[in-house]
């Protein structure tokens, strides 16, 4: 499983990205790739597929939202 978190450094989204990375590591035992970016983005990809986009949804993920989404995906795979 390959997870990447792209986050805006201009708006200091790094703490949110690190928190999500920690949650993913605790749950799945993997370290997500951190990808500094700009433009207000907070994007999460799983195996190259976009699974969360702040840019598209206009919001950050709620606590546990990305973890639950990945758990649900793994159930159907």
N, C-alpha and C. Protein backbone atom coordinates (compact mmCIF):
# COMPACT_ATOMS: atom_id res chain seq x y z
N UNK A 1 0.86 -1.17 0.00
CA UNK A 1 0.00 0.00 0.00
C UNK A 1 0.90 1.23 0.00
N UNK A 2 0.65 2.14 -0.94
CA UNK A 2 1.43 3.36 -1.08
C UNK A 2 0.50 4.55 -0.88
N UNK A 3 0.75 5.32 0.18
CA UNK A 3 -0.09 6.49 0.47
C UNK A 3 0.78 7.74 0.40
N UNK A 4 0.23 8.77 -0.22
CA UNK A 4 0.93 10.04 -0.36
C UNK A 4 0.02 11.16 0.13
N UNK A 5 0.61 12.11 0.86
CA UNK A 5 -0.13 13.27 1.34
C UNK A 5 0.55 14.51 0.76
N UNK A 6 -0.16 15.22 -0.11
CA UNK A 6 0.33 16.47 -0.68
C UNK A 6 -0.32 17.60 0.10
N UNK A 7 0.50 18.51 0.63
CA UNK A 7 -0.03 19.55 1.50
C UNK A 7 0.62 20.90 1.19
N UNK A 8 -0.12 21.95 1.40
CA UNK A 8 0.34 23.31 1.12
C UNK A 8 1.25 23.81 2.24
N UNK A 9 2.47 24.18 1.86
CA UNK A 9 3.38 24.74 2.86
C UNK A 9 3.12 26.23 3.09
N UNK A 10 2.56 26.90 2.08
CA UNK A 10 2.26 28.33 2.22
C UNK A 10 1.24 28.60 3.31
N UNK A 11 0.27 27.70 3.45
CA UNK A 11 -0.79 27.85 4.44
C UNK A 11 -0.53 27.01 5.69
N UNK A 12 0.67 26.48 5.82
CA UNK A 12 1.09 25.71 6.99
C UNK A 12 0.19 24.51 7.27
N UNK A 13 -0.08 23.74 6.24
CA UNK A 13 -0.88 22.52 6.40
C UNK A 13 -0.04 21.33 6.87
N UNK A 14 1.27 21.55 7.04
CA UNK A 14 2.14 20.44 7.44
C UNK A 14 1.70 19.78 8.75
N UNK A 15 1.32 20.52 9.81
CA UNK A 15 0.88 19.84 11.04
C UNK A 15 -0.31 18.89 10.79
N UNK A 16 -1.25 19.28 9.95
CA UNK A 16 -2.38 18.40 9.62
C UNK A 16 -1.90 17.16 8.87
N UNK A 17 -0.97 17.38 7.94
CA UNK A 17 -0.44 16.26 7.16
C UNK A 17 0.32 15.30 8.07
N UNK A 18 1.10 15.82 8.99
CA UNK A 18 1.85 14.96 9.92
C UNK A 18 0.91 14.20 10.85
N UNK A 19 -0.16 14.83 11.27
CA UNK A 19 -1.14 14.16 12.12
C UNK A 19 -1.80 13.00 11.36
N UNK A 20 -2.18 13.26 10.12
CA UNK A 20 -2.77 12.20 9.30
C UNK A 20 -1.76 11.08 9.07
N UNK A 21 -0.52 11.44 8.78
CA UNK A 21 0.53 10.44 8.58
C UNK A 21 0.68 9.55 9.81
N UNK A 22 0.65 10.17 10.99
CA UNK A 22 0.76 9.42 12.24
C UNK A 22 -0.42 8.47 12.41
N UNK A 23 -1.62 8.93 12.11
CA UNK A 23 -2.82 8.07 12.21
C UNK A 23 -2.72 6.88 11.26
N UNK A 24 -2.26 7.14 10.04
CA UNK A 24 -2.13 6.07 9.05
C UNK A 24 -1.05 5.07 9.47
N UNK A 25 0.03 5.58 10.05
CA UNK A 25 1.09 4.70 10.52
C UNK A 25 0.60 3.83 11.68
N UNK A 26 -0.15 4.43 12.60
CA UNK A 26 -0.68 3.68 13.74
C UNK A 26 -1.64 2.58 13.28
N UNK A 27 -2.48 2.89 12.32
CA UNK A 27 -3.50 1.94 11.88
C UNK A 27 -2.96 0.88 10.92
N UNK A 28 -2.12 1.30 9.96
CA UNK A 28 -1.70 0.39 8.90
C UNK A 28 -0.22 0.03 8.94
N UNK A 29 0.55 0.68 9.81
CA UNK A 29 1.96 0.37 9.94
C UNK A 29 2.81 0.82 8.76
N UNK A 30 2.37 1.85 8.07
CA UNK A 30 3.15 2.39 6.95
C UNK A 30 3.32 3.90 7.13
N UNK A 31 4.39 4.42 6.55
CA UNK A 31 4.60 5.87 6.57
C UNK A 31 4.20 6.43 5.21
N UNK A 32 3.24 7.31 5.22
CA UNK A 32 2.82 7.96 3.98
C UNK A 32 3.93 8.89 3.50
N UNK A 33 4.04 9.00 2.19
CA UNK A 33 4.99 9.95 1.60
C UNK A 33 4.44 11.36 1.80
N UNK A 34 5.29 12.26 2.24
CA UNK A 34 4.90 13.66 2.43
C UNK A 34 5.36 14.44 1.21
N UNK A 35 4.44 15.19 0.60
CA UNK A 35 4.75 15.95 -0.62
C UNK A 35 4.38 17.42 -0.42
N UNK A 36 5.36 18.25 -0.01
CA UNK A 36 5.09 19.68 0.13
C UNK A 36 4.65 20.28 -1.21
N UNK A 37 3.69 21.19 -1.14
CA UNK A 37 3.14 21.79 -2.35
C UNK A 37 2.71 23.22 -2.04
N UNK A 38 1.85 23.75 -2.88
CA UNK A 38 1.34 25.11 -2.68
C UNK A 38 -0.09 25.18 -3.19
N UNK A 39 -0.67 26.36 -3.12
CA UNK A 39 -2.00 26.56 -3.68
C UNK A 39 -3.14 26.09 -2.80
N UNK A 40 -2.89 25.88 -1.51
CA UNK A 40 -3.96 25.48 -0.60
C UNK A 40 -4.40 24.03 -0.72
N UNK A 41 -3.56 23.18 -1.31
CA UNK A 41 -3.96 21.79 -1.51
C UNK A 41 -3.73 20.93 -0.27
N UNK A 42 -4.56 19.93 -0.13
CA UNK A 42 -4.40 18.86 0.85
C UNK A 42 -5.00 17.64 0.18
N UNK A 43 -4.15 16.86 -0.48
CA UNK A 43 -4.59 15.76 -1.32
C UNK A 43 -4.00 14.45 -0.79
N UNK A 44 -4.80 13.42 -0.76
CA UNK A 44 -4.33 12.11 -0.30
C UNK A 44 -4.55 11.11 -1.42
N UNK A 45 -3.48 10.40 -1.77
CA UNK A 45 -3.59 9.36 -2.79
C UNK A 45 -3.24 8.01 -2.19
N UNK A 46 -3.91 7.00 -2.70
CA UNK A 46 -3.66 5.61 -2.31
C UNK A 46 -3.34 4.85 -3.58
N UNK A 47 -2.14 4.30 -3.64
CA UNK A 47 -1.67 3.57 -4.82
C UNK A 47 -1.89 4.37 -6.11
N UNK A 48 -1.61 5.67 -6.03
CA UNK A 48 -1.71 6.54 -7.19
C UNK A 48 -3.09 7.07 -7.50
N UNK A 49 -4.10 6.67 -6.72
CA UNK A 49 -5.47 7.12 -6.94
C UNK A 49 -5.87 8.15 -5.88
N UNK A 50 -6.39 9.27 -6.31
CA UNK A 50 -6.82 10.32 -5.40
C UNK A 50 -8.01 9.83 -4.58
N UNK A 51 -7.86 9.87 -3.24
CA UNK A 51 -8.95 9.41 -2.38
C UNK A 51 -9.52 10.53 -1.50
N UNK A 52 -8.78 11.64 -1.39
CA UNK A 52 -9.31 12.81 -0.69
C UNK A 52 -8.69 14.06 -1.30
N UNK A 53 -9.53 15.06 -1.54
CA UNK A 53 -9.05 16.32 -2.11
C UNK A 53 -9.75 17.49 -1.43
N UNK A 54 -8.98 18.25 -0.65
CA UNK A 54 -9.52 19.47 -0.06
C UNK A 54 -9.92 20.45 -1.16
N UNK A 55 -9.17 20.45 -2.23
CA UNK A 55 -9.46 21.36 -3.34
C UNK A 55 -10.84 21.06 -3.96
N UNK A 56 -11.16 19.78 -4.11
CA UNK A 56 -12.45 19.41 -4.69
C UNK A 56 -13.60 19.54 -3.69
N UNK A 57 -13.34 19.16 -2.43
CA UNK A 57 -14.42 19.14 -1.43
C UNK A 57 -14.56 20.45 -0.66
N UNK A 58 -13.51 21.27 -0.67
CA UNK A 58 -13.57 22.54 0.04
C UNK A 58 -13.44 22.41 1.55
N UNK A 59 -12.88 21.29 2.00
CA UNK A 59 -12.73 21.07 3.44
C UNK A 59 -11.59 20.09 3.70
N UNK A 60 -11.10 20.14 4.93
CA UNK A 60 -10.12 19.14 5.37
C UNK A 60 -10.87 17.87 5.77
N UNK A 61 -10.18 16.73 5.76
CA UNK A 61 -10.84 15.51 6.24
C UNK A 61 -11.08 15.60 7.75
N UNK A 62 -12.19 15.05 8.19
CA UNK A 62 -12.48 14.95 9.62
C UNK A 62 -11.54 13.92 10.22
N UNK A 63 -11.35 13.98 11.54
CA UNK A 63 -10.51 13.00 12.21
C UNK A 63 -11.01 11.59 11.90
N UNK A 64 -10.13 10.74 11.44
CA UNK A 64 -10.47 9.35 11.15
C UNK A 64 -11.11 9.12 9.79
N UNK A 65 -11.47 10.17 9.08
CA UNK A 65 -12.19 10.02 7.81
C UNK A 65 -11.36 9.27 6.76
N UNK A 66 -10.10 9.63 6.61
CA UNK A 66 -9.26 8.98 5.60
C UNK A 66 -8.96 7.54 6.01
N UNK A 67 -8.70 7.31 7.29
CA UNK A 67 -8.43 5.95 7.79
C UNK A 67 -9.65 5.06 7.53
N UNK A 68 -10.83 5.54 7.86
CA UNK A 68 -12.05 4.76 7.65
C UNK A 68 -12.28 4.49 6.17
N UNK A 69 -12.03 5.47 5.32
CA UNK A 69 -12.19 5.28 3.89
C UNK A 69 -11.26 4.18 3.38
N UNK A 70 -10.01 4.21 3.82
CA UNK A 70 -9.05 3.18 3.39
C UNK A 70 -9.46 1.80 3.93
N UNK A 71 -9.91 1.74 5.16
CA UNK A 71 -10.39 0.47 5.73
C UNK A 71 -11.53 -0.09 4.88
N UNK A 72 -12.47 0.75 4.51
CA UNK A 72 -13.59 0.32 3.69
C UNK A 72 -13.15 -0.14 2.30
N UNK A 73 -12.19 0.57 1.73
CA UNK A 73 -11.65 0.14 0.43
C UNK A 73 -10.99 -1.24 0.52
N UNK A 74 -10.25 -1.45 1.59
CA UNK A 74 -9.56 -2.74 1.75
C UNK A 74 -10.54 -3.90 1.93
N UNK A 75 -11.70 -3.61 2.50
CA UNK A 75 -12.73 -4.65 2.68
C UNK A 75 -13.28 -5.16 1.36
N UNK A 76 -13.36 -4.27 0.38
CA UNK A 76 -13.96 -4.67 -0.91
C UNK A 76 -12.93 -5.12 -1.92
N UNK A 77 -11.68 -5.01 -1.60
CA UNK A 77 -10.62 -5.41 -2.52
C UNK A 77 -10.32 -6.91 -2.38
